[in-house]
C-alpha atoms as a PDB file:
ATOM      1  CA  MET A   1       5.954  -3.800  12.017  1.00  0.00           C
ATOM      2  CA  MET A   2       2.834  -1.920  10.821  1.00  0.00           C
ATOM      3  CA  ASP A   3      -0.218  -2.259  13.072  1.00  0.00           C
ATOM      4  CA  GLY A   4       0.268  -5.949  13.793  1.00  0.00           C
ATOM      5  CA  LEU A   5       1.711  -6.866  10.398  1.00  0.00           C
ATOM      6  CA  PRO A   6       5.083  -8.624  10.119  1.00  0.00           C
ATOM      7  CA  SER A   7       7.954  -6.662   8.631  1.00  0.00           C
ATOM      8  CA  PRO A   8       9.001  -5.576   6.136  1.00  0.00           C
ATOM      9  CA  VAL A   9       6.138  -4.177   4.059  1.00  0.00           C
ATOM     10  CA  VAL A  10       6.935  -5.340   0.520  1.00  0.00           C
ATOM     11  CA  HIS A  11       3.913  -3.965  -1.338  1.00  0.00           C
ATOM     12  CA  ASP A  12       1.402  -1.225  -0.548  1.00  0.00           C
ATOM     13  CA  GLU A  13      -1.180  -0.177  -3.134  1.00  0.00           C
ATOM     14  CA  ILE A  14      -4.522   1.590  -3.362  1.00  0.00           C
ATOM     15  CA  VAL A  15      -6.913  -0.261  -5.663  1.00  0.00           C
ATOM     16  CA  ALA A  16      -9.329   2.124  -7.348  1.00  0.00           C
ATOM     17  CA  LYS A  17     -13.057   1.620  -7.061  1.00  0.00           C
ATOM     18  CA  ARG A  18     -14.396  -0.899  -9.626  1.00  0.00           C
ATOM     19  CA  ALA A  19     -10.856  -2.004 -10.540  1.00  0.00           C
ATOM     20  CA  PRO A  20      -9.127  -5.430 -10.710  1.00  0.00           C
ATOM     21  CA  TRP A  21      -5.924  -6.297  -8.823  1.00  0.00           C
ATOM     22  CA  ARG A  22      -3.507  -9.203  -9.089  1.00  0.00           C
ATOM     23  CA  HIS A  23      -0.447 -10.053  -7.006  1.00  0.00           C
ATOM     24  CA  VAL A  24       1.649 -13.039  -5.898  1.00  0.00           C
ATOM     25  CA  VAL A  25       1.965 -13.425  -2.127  1.00  0.00           C
ATOM     26  CA  ARG A  26       4.747 -15.764  -1.041  1.00  0.00           C
ATOM     27  CA  ALA A  27       4.416 -18.450   1.627  1.00  0.00           C
ATOM     28  CA  GLY A  28       4.738 -16.839   5.050  1.00  0.00           C
ATOM     29  CA  GLN A  29       3.765 -13.357   3.888  1.00  0.00           C
ATOM     30  CA  THR A  30       0.557 -11.646   4.997  1.00  0.00           C
ATOM     31  CA  LEU A  31      -1.905  -9.702   2.865  1.00  0.00           C
ATOM     32  CA  ARG A  32      -3.939  -7.044   4.652  1.00  0.00           C
ATOM     33  CA  ILE A  33      -7.038  -5.768   2.829  1.00  0.00           C
ATOM     34  CA  ILE A  34      -8.325  -2.453   4.194  1.00  0.00           C
ATOM     35  CA  ASP A  35     -11.790  -1.127   3.418  1.00  0.00           C
ATOM     36  CA  LEU A  36     -10.844   2.554   3.356  1.00  0.00           C
ATOM     37  CA  GLU A  37     -14.295   4.134   3.376  1.00  0.00           C
ATOM     38  CA  GLY A  38     -16.422   1.229   4.628  1.00  0.00           C
ATOM     39  CA  ASN A  39     -19.223  -0.819   3.098  1.00  0.00           C
ATOM     40  CA  GLN A  40     -17.174  -1.996   0.081  1.00  0.00           C
ATOM     41  CA  ALA A  41     -17.258  -5.612  -1.133  1.00  0.00           C
ATOM     42  CA  VAL A  42     -13.926  -7.133  -2.228  1.00  0.00           C
ATOM     43  CA  ASP A  43     -14.259 -10.242  -4.421  1.00  0.00           C
ATOM     44  CA  LEU A  44     -11.221 -12.545  -4.250  1.00  0.00           C
ATOM     45  CA  LEU A  45      -9.894 -15.670  -5.986  1.00  0.00           C
ATOM     46  CA  LEU A  46      -6.743 -17.671  -5.183  1.00  0.00           C
ATOM     47  CA  TYR A  47      -4.521 -19.722  -7.499  1.00  0.00           C
ATOM     48  CA  ASN A  48      -1.315 -21.691  -7.093  1.00  0.00           C
ATOM     49  CA  PRO A  49       1.115 -19.708  -9.308  1.00  0.00           C
ATOM     50  CA  HIS A  50       3.140 -22.865  -9.951  1.00  0.00           C
ATOM     51  CA  ASP A  51       0.064 -24.867 -11.027  1.00  0.00           C
ATOM     52  CA  LEU A  52      -2.878 -22.678 -12.044  1.00  0.00           C
ATOM     53  CA  ASP A  53      -5.206 -25.695 -12.088  1.00  0.00           C
ATOM     54  CA  GLU A  54      -5.044 -25.594  -8.292  1.00  0.00           C
ATOM     55  CA  ARG A  55      -7.260 -22.798  -7.016  1.00  0.00           C
ATOM     56  CA  TYR A  56      -9.474 -21.721  -4.115  1.00  0.00           C
ATOM     57  CA  SER A  57     -12.403 -24.036  -3.488  1.00  0.00           C
ATOM     58  CA  ALA A  58     -15.462 -22.699  -1.697  1.00  0.00           C
ATOM     59  CA  GLN A  59     -16.762 -26.254  -1.292  1.00  0.00           C
ATOM     60  CA  ASP A  60     -13.614 -27.548   0.421  1.00  0.00           C
ATOM     61  CA  THR A  61     -13.353 -24.440   2.590  1.00  0.00           C
ATOM     62  CA  ILE A  62     -16.979 -24.609   3.740  1.00  0.00           C
ATOM     63  CA  ALA A  63     -16.800 -28.372   4.370  1.00  0.00           C
ATOM     64  CA  ALA A  64     -13.555 -28.133   6.348  1.00  0.00           C
ATOM     65  CA  GLN A  65     -14.825 -25.518   8.777  1.00  0.00           C
ATOM     66  CA  ARG A  66     -18.536 -26.472   8.670  1.00  0.00           C
ATOM     67  CA  SER A  67     -19.541 -22.877   8.148  1.00  0.00           C
ATOM     68  CA  ILE A  68     -20.433 -20.663   5.204  1.00  0.00           C
ATOM     69  CA  PHE A  69     -18.909 -17.637   6.922  1.00  0.00           C
ATOM     70  CA  LEU A  70     -15.219 -16.814   7.248  1.00  0.00           C
ATOM     71  CA  LYS A  71     -13.815 -15.449  10.518  1.00  0.00           C
ATOM     72  CA  THR A  72     -10.485 -15.115  12.314  1.00  0.00           C
ATOM     73  CA  GLY A  73      -8.900 -18.570  12.244  1.00  0.00           C
ATOM     74  CA  SER A  74     -10.626 -19.706   9.049  1.00  0.00           C
ATOM     75  CA  PRO A  75      -8.370 -21.568   6.566  1.00  0.00           C
ATOM     76  CA  LEU A  76      -8.954 -21.171   2.822  1.00  0.00           C
ATOM     77  CA  TYR A  77      -8.619 -24.498   1.000  1.00  0.00           C
ATOM     78  CA  SER A  78      -7.787 -25.367  -2.598  1.00  0.00           C
ATOM     79  CA  ASN A  79      -9.528 -27.877  -4.858  1.00  0.00           C
ATOM     80  CA  GLU A  80      -6.615 -30.205  -3.986  1.00  0.00           C
ATOM     81  CA  GLY A  81      -7.623 -30.090  -0.327  1.00  0.00           C
ATOM     82  CA  ARG A  82      -4.606 -28.030   0.692  1.00  0.00           C
ATOM     83  CA  PRO A  83      -4.773 -24.918   2.897  1.00  0.00           C
ATOM     84  CA  MET A  84      -3.762 -21.891   0.812  1.00  0.00           C
ATOM     85  CA  MET A  85      -4.232 -19.033   3.257  1.00  0.00           C
ATOM     86  CA  LEU A  86      -5.340 -18.466   6.846  1.00  0.00           C
ATOM     87  CA  ILE A  87      -7.380 -15.539   8.156  1.00  0.00           C
ATOM     88  CA  THR A  88      -5.180 -14.507  11.070  1.00  0.00           C
ATOM     89  CA  ASP A  89      -7.089 -11.374  12.061  1.00  0.00           C
ATOM     90  CA  THR A  90     -10.126  -9.322  11.088  1.00  0.00           C
ATOM     91  CA  ASN A  91     -12.160  -6.659  12.855  1.00  0.00           C
ATOM     92  CA  VAL A  92     -15.304  -7.594  10.894  1.00  0.00           C
ATOM     93  CA  ALA A  93     -17.698 -10.194  12.305  1.00  0.00           C
ATOM     94  CA  TYR A  94     -17.618 -12.447   9.227  1.00  0.00           C
ATOM     95  CA  HIS A  95     -17.015 -12.594   5.482  1.00  0.00           C
ATOM     96  CA  ASP A  96     -19.110 -14.239   2.752  1.00  0.00           C
ATOM     97  CA  THR A  97     -18.359 -17.406   0.753  1.00  0.00           C
ATOM     98  CA  ILE A  98     -21.610 -17.929  -1.170  1.00  0.00           C
ATOM     99  CA  GLY A  99     -22.770 -14.614  -2.670  1.00  0.00           C
ATOM    100  CA  GLY A 100     -20.689 -15.053  -5.836  1.00  0.00           C
ATOM    101  CA  ALA A 101     -19.464 -12.397  -8.244  1.00  0.00           C
ATOM    102  CA  CYS A 102     -21.650 -10.027 -10.226  1.00  0.00           C
ATOM    103  CA  SER A 103     -21.597 -10.284 -14.009  1.00  0.00           C
ATOM    104  CA  CYS A 104     -23.221  -8.429 -16.882  1.00  0.00           C
ATOM    105  CA  GLU A 105     -25.544 -11.414 -17.341  1.00  0.00           C
ATOM    106  CA  SER A 106     -26.592 -11.628 -13.690  1.00  0.00           C
ATOM    107  CA  ASN A 107     -27.105  -7.862 -13.560  1.00  0.00           C
ATOM    108  CA  THR A 108     -29.480  -8.144 -16.506  1.00  0.00           C
ATOM    109  CA  LEU A 109     -31.399 -10.988 -14.863  1.00  0.00           C
ATOM    110  CA  ARG A 110     -31.688  -9.312 -11.490  1.00  0.00           C
ATOM    111  CA  TYR A 111     -31.922  -5.616 -12.299  1.00  0.00           C
ATOM    112  CA  GLY A 112     -33.114  -5.267 -15.878  1.00  0.00           C
ATOM    113  CA  HIS A 113     -31.732  -5.181 -19.399  1.00  0.00           C
ATOM    114  CA  HIS A 114     -30.593  -1.560 -19.034  1.00  0.00           C
ATOM    115  CA  THR A 115     -27.779  -2.787 -16.723  1.00  0.00           C
ATOM    116  CA  LYS A 116     -26.234  -5.081 -19.383  1.00  0.00           C
ATOM    117  CA  SER A 117     -23.482  -2.614 -20.265  1.00  0.00           C
ATOM    118  CA  GLN A 118     -22.410  -2.035 -16.672  1.00  0.00           C
ATOM    119  CA  HIS A 119     -18.964  -3.212 -15.613  1.00  0.00           C
ATOM    120  CA  ALA A 120     -18.989  -6.198 -13.248  1.00  0.00           C
ATOM    121  CA  CYS A 121     -16.692  -8.389 -11.154  1.00  0.00           C
ATOM    122  CA  VAL A 122     -16.521 -11.175 -13.726  1.00  0.00           C
ATOM    123  CA  GLU A 123     -15.094  -8.699 -16.250  1.00  0.00           C
ATOM    124  CA  ASN A 124     -12.497  -7.626 -13.676  1.00  0.00           C
ATOM    125  CA  PHE A 125     -11.536 -11.256 -13.077  1.00  0.00           C
ATOM    126  CA  ILE A 126     -11.223 -11.901 -16.826  1.00  0.00           C
ATOM    127  CA  ALA A 127      -8.942  -8.867 -17.252  1.00  0.00           C
ATOM    128  CA  ALA A 128      -6.686  -9.940 -14.364  1.00  0.00           C
ATOM    129  CA  LEU A 129      -6.595 -13.623 -15.341  1.00  0.00           C
ATOM    130  CA  ALA A 130      -5.672 -12.788 -18.943  1.00  0.00           C
ATOM    131  CA  ARG A 131      -2.210 -11.815 -17.695  1.00  0.00           C
ATOM    132  CA  THR A 132      -1.598 -15.417 -16.595  1.00  0.00           C
ATOM    133  CA  GLY A 133      -3.130 -17.065 -19.653  1.00  0.00           C
ATOM    134  CA  ASN A 134      -6.320 -18.052 -17.847  1.00  0.00           C
ATOM    135  CA  GLY A 135      -9.832 -17.030 -18.812  1.00  0.00           C
ATOM    136  CA  LYS A 136     -13.508 -17.058 -17.913  1.00  0.00           C
ATOM    137  CA  ARG A 137     -13.632 -20.842 -17.540  1.00  0.00           C
ATOM    138  CA  ASP A 138     -11.041 -20.560 -14.755  1.00  0.00           C
ATOM    139  CA  ILE A 139     -13.274 -18.371 -12.571  1.00  0.00           C
ATOM    140  CA  VAL A 140     -14.645 -20.331  -9.617  1.00  0.00           C
ATOM    141  CA  SER A 141     -16.840 -19.421  -6.649  1.00  0.00           C
ATOM    142  CA  ASN A 142     -15.114 -16.523  -4.928  1.00  0.00           C
ATOM    143  CA  ILE A 143     -14.837 -15.004  -1.472  1.00  0.00           C
ATOM    144  CA  ASN A 144     -16.604 -11.698  -0.798  1.00  0.00           C
ATOM    145  CA  PHE A 145     -14.717  -9.890   1.925  1.00  0.00           C
ATOM    146  CA  PHE A 146     -16.747  -7.347   3.931  1.00  0.00           C
ATOM    147  CA  MET A 147     -19.958  -8.368   2.120  1.00  0.00           C
ATOM    148  CA  ASN A 148     -23.085  -9.168   4.140  1.00  0.00           C
ATOM    149  CA  VAL A 149     -25.085 -12.092   2.703  1.00  0.00           C
ATOM    150  CA  PRO A 150     -27.417 -13.370   5.436  1.00  0.00           C
ATOM    151  CA  VAL A 151     -29.256 -16.664   5.028  1.00  0.00           C
ATOM    152  CA  GLU A 152     -32.951 -16.258   5.794  1.00  0.00           C
ATOM    153  CA  ASP A 153     -35.060 -18.817   7.688  1.00  0.00           C
ATOM    154  CA  ASP A 154     -36.468 -20.161   4.415  1.00  0.00           C
ATOM    155  CA  GLY A 155     -32.977 -20.681   2.970  1.00  0.00           C
ATOM    156  CA  THR A 156     -32.962 -17.696   0.618  1.00  0.00           C
ATOM    157  CA  LEU A 157     -29.973 -15.361   0.499  1.00  0.00           C
ATOM    158  CA  GLY A 158     -30.120 -11.652   1.108  1.00  0.00           C
ATOM    159  CA  ILE A 159     -27.703  -8.984  -0.087  1.00  0.00           C
ATOM    160  CA  VAL A 160     -27.855  -6.157   2.392  1.00  0.00           C
ATOM    161  CA  ASP A 161     -25.722  -3.258   3.599  1.00  0.00           C
ATOM    162  CA  GLY A 162     -22.146  -4.246   4.315  1.00  0.00           C
ATOM    163  CA  ILE A 163     -20.883  -4.607   7.873  1.00  0.00           C
ATOM    164  CA  ALA A 164     -17.503  -2.896   7.438  1.00  0.00           C
ATOM    165  CA  ALA A 165     -16.776   0.570   8.815  1.00  0.00           C
ATOM    166  CA  PRO A 166     -14.061   2.814   7.363  1.00  0.00           C
ATOM    167  CA  GLY A 167     -10.695   1.224   8.166  1.00  0.00           C
ATOM    168  CA  SER A 168     -12.044  -2.307   8.557  1.00  0.00           C
ATOM    169  CA  TYR A 169      -9.492  -4.940   7.583  1.00  0.00           C
ATOM    170  CA  VAL A 170      -8.764  -8.621   7.128  1.00  0.00           C
ATOM    171  CA  ASP A 171      -5.315 -10.252   7.374  1.00  0.00           C
ATOM    172  CA  LEU A 172      -4.560 -13.331   5.255  1.00  0.00           C
ATOM    173  CA  GLN A 173      -1.368 -15.314   5.850  1.00  0.00           C
ATOM    174  CA  ALA A 174      -0.137 -17.305   2.845  1.00  0.00           C
ATOM    175  CA  LEU A 175       0.463 -20.972   3.708  1.00  0.00           C
ATOM    176  CA  MET A 176       1.868 -21.547   0.210  1.00  0.00           C
ATOM    177  CA  ASP A 177       2.737 -19.242  -2.695  1.00  0.00           C
ATOM    178  CA  VAL A 178      -0.577 -17.819  -3.917  1.00  0.00           C
ATOM    179  CA  GLU A 179      -1.663 -15.779  -6.924  1.00  0.00           C
ATOM    180  CA  ILE A 180      -4.366 -13.424  -5.659  1.00  0.00           C
ATOM    181  CA  VAL A 181      -6.932 -11.997  -8.063  1.00  0.00           C
ATOM    182  CA  VAL A 182      -9.300  -9.326  -6.771  1.00  0.00           C
ATOM    183  CA  SER A 183     -12.235  -7.382  -8.108  1.00  0.00           C
ATOM    184  CA  ASN A 184     -12.899  -4.259  -6.087  1.00  0.00           C
ATOM    185  CA  CYS A 185     -16.584  -4.706  -6.711  1.00  0.00           C
ATOM    186  CA  PRO A 186     -18.264  -2.229  -9.108  1.00  0.00           C
ATOM    187  CA  GLN A 187     -21.838  -3.248  -8.211  1.00  0.00           C
ATOM    188  CA  ILE A 188     -24.216  -0.261  -7.956  1.00  0.00           C
ATOM    189  CA  ASN A 189     -27.602  -2.036  -8.134  1.00  0.00           C
ATOM    190  CA  ASN A 190     -27.674  -3.585  -4.666  1.00  0.00           C
ATOM    191  CA  PRO A 191     -26.461  -2.367  -1.249  1.00  0.00           C
ATOM    192  CA  CYS A 192     -23.303  -4.538  -1.035  1.00  0.00           C
ATOM    193  CA  ASN A 193     -21.276  -1.347  -1.700  1.00  0.00           C
ATOM    194  CA  GLY A 194     -23.841   1.077  -0.358  1.00  0.00           C
ATOM    195  CA  PHE A 195     -24.622   1.833  -4.045  1.00  0.00           C
ATOM    196  CA  ASN A 196     -21.309   3.716  -4.128  1.00  0.00           C
ATOM    197  CA  PRO A 197     -18.094   1.742  -4.874  1.00  0.00           C
ATOM    198  CA  THR A 198     -14.974   3.044  -3.125  1.00  0.00           C
ATOM    199  CA  PRO A 199     -11.219   2.250  -3.151  1.00  0.00           C
ATOM    200  CA  VAL A 200      -9.472  -0.308  -0.955  1.00  0.00           C
ATOM    201  CA  ARG A 201      -5.843  -0.707   0.178  1.00  0.00           C
ATOM    202  CA  MET A 202      -3.694  -3.826  -0.229  1.00  0.00           C
ATOM    203  CA  ILE A 203      -0.602  -4.290   1.949  1.00  0.00           C
ATOM    204  CA  VAL A 204       1.729  -7.298   1.643  1.00  0.00           C
ATOM    205  CA  ALA A 205       4.191  -7.778   4.505  1.00  0.00           C
ATOM    206  CA  GLY A 206       6.661 -10.351   5.797  1.00  0.00           C
END
């Protein structure tokens, strides 16, 4: 056992800053995501590897738990209404479900035309999904682990400094086989990564 993870460890990988990552986690296994240096957003999508039309649904997840924030004990639901994963442990107060993924287009809208050429999470998702035959139309609303997106009194969303310290983690137990697609967020125009993207570690155990 490694720090509360089931044994054995079957995969352990450092994901470079700004990079995509894709892996199948089998039912019963646990994925631990570690924010190595702190203040790094990790954008994540889930798919059923046996039926790629079934994927993570932010709407079903939010409705089921009546909260826009994910915490220990939060289930992650698919668009078929089935629980895909369960957050079994995290040492971060909450994780975001509504901030979305950055794209070249949204960067241009928010930060100016000079950002159009910058790499973004949507491009990472497209690169990872291409390996399974999926594409841009298969990208849905994602989870942003470690990202701080407070909702203001007037209903607007903020994107502020992250709430994860170096070594912060989240454990996700697979309740079915899941294809996990991650963008280790490359955003440098807002404080979600402290304007300085850093690597993260992915451990699959069980």
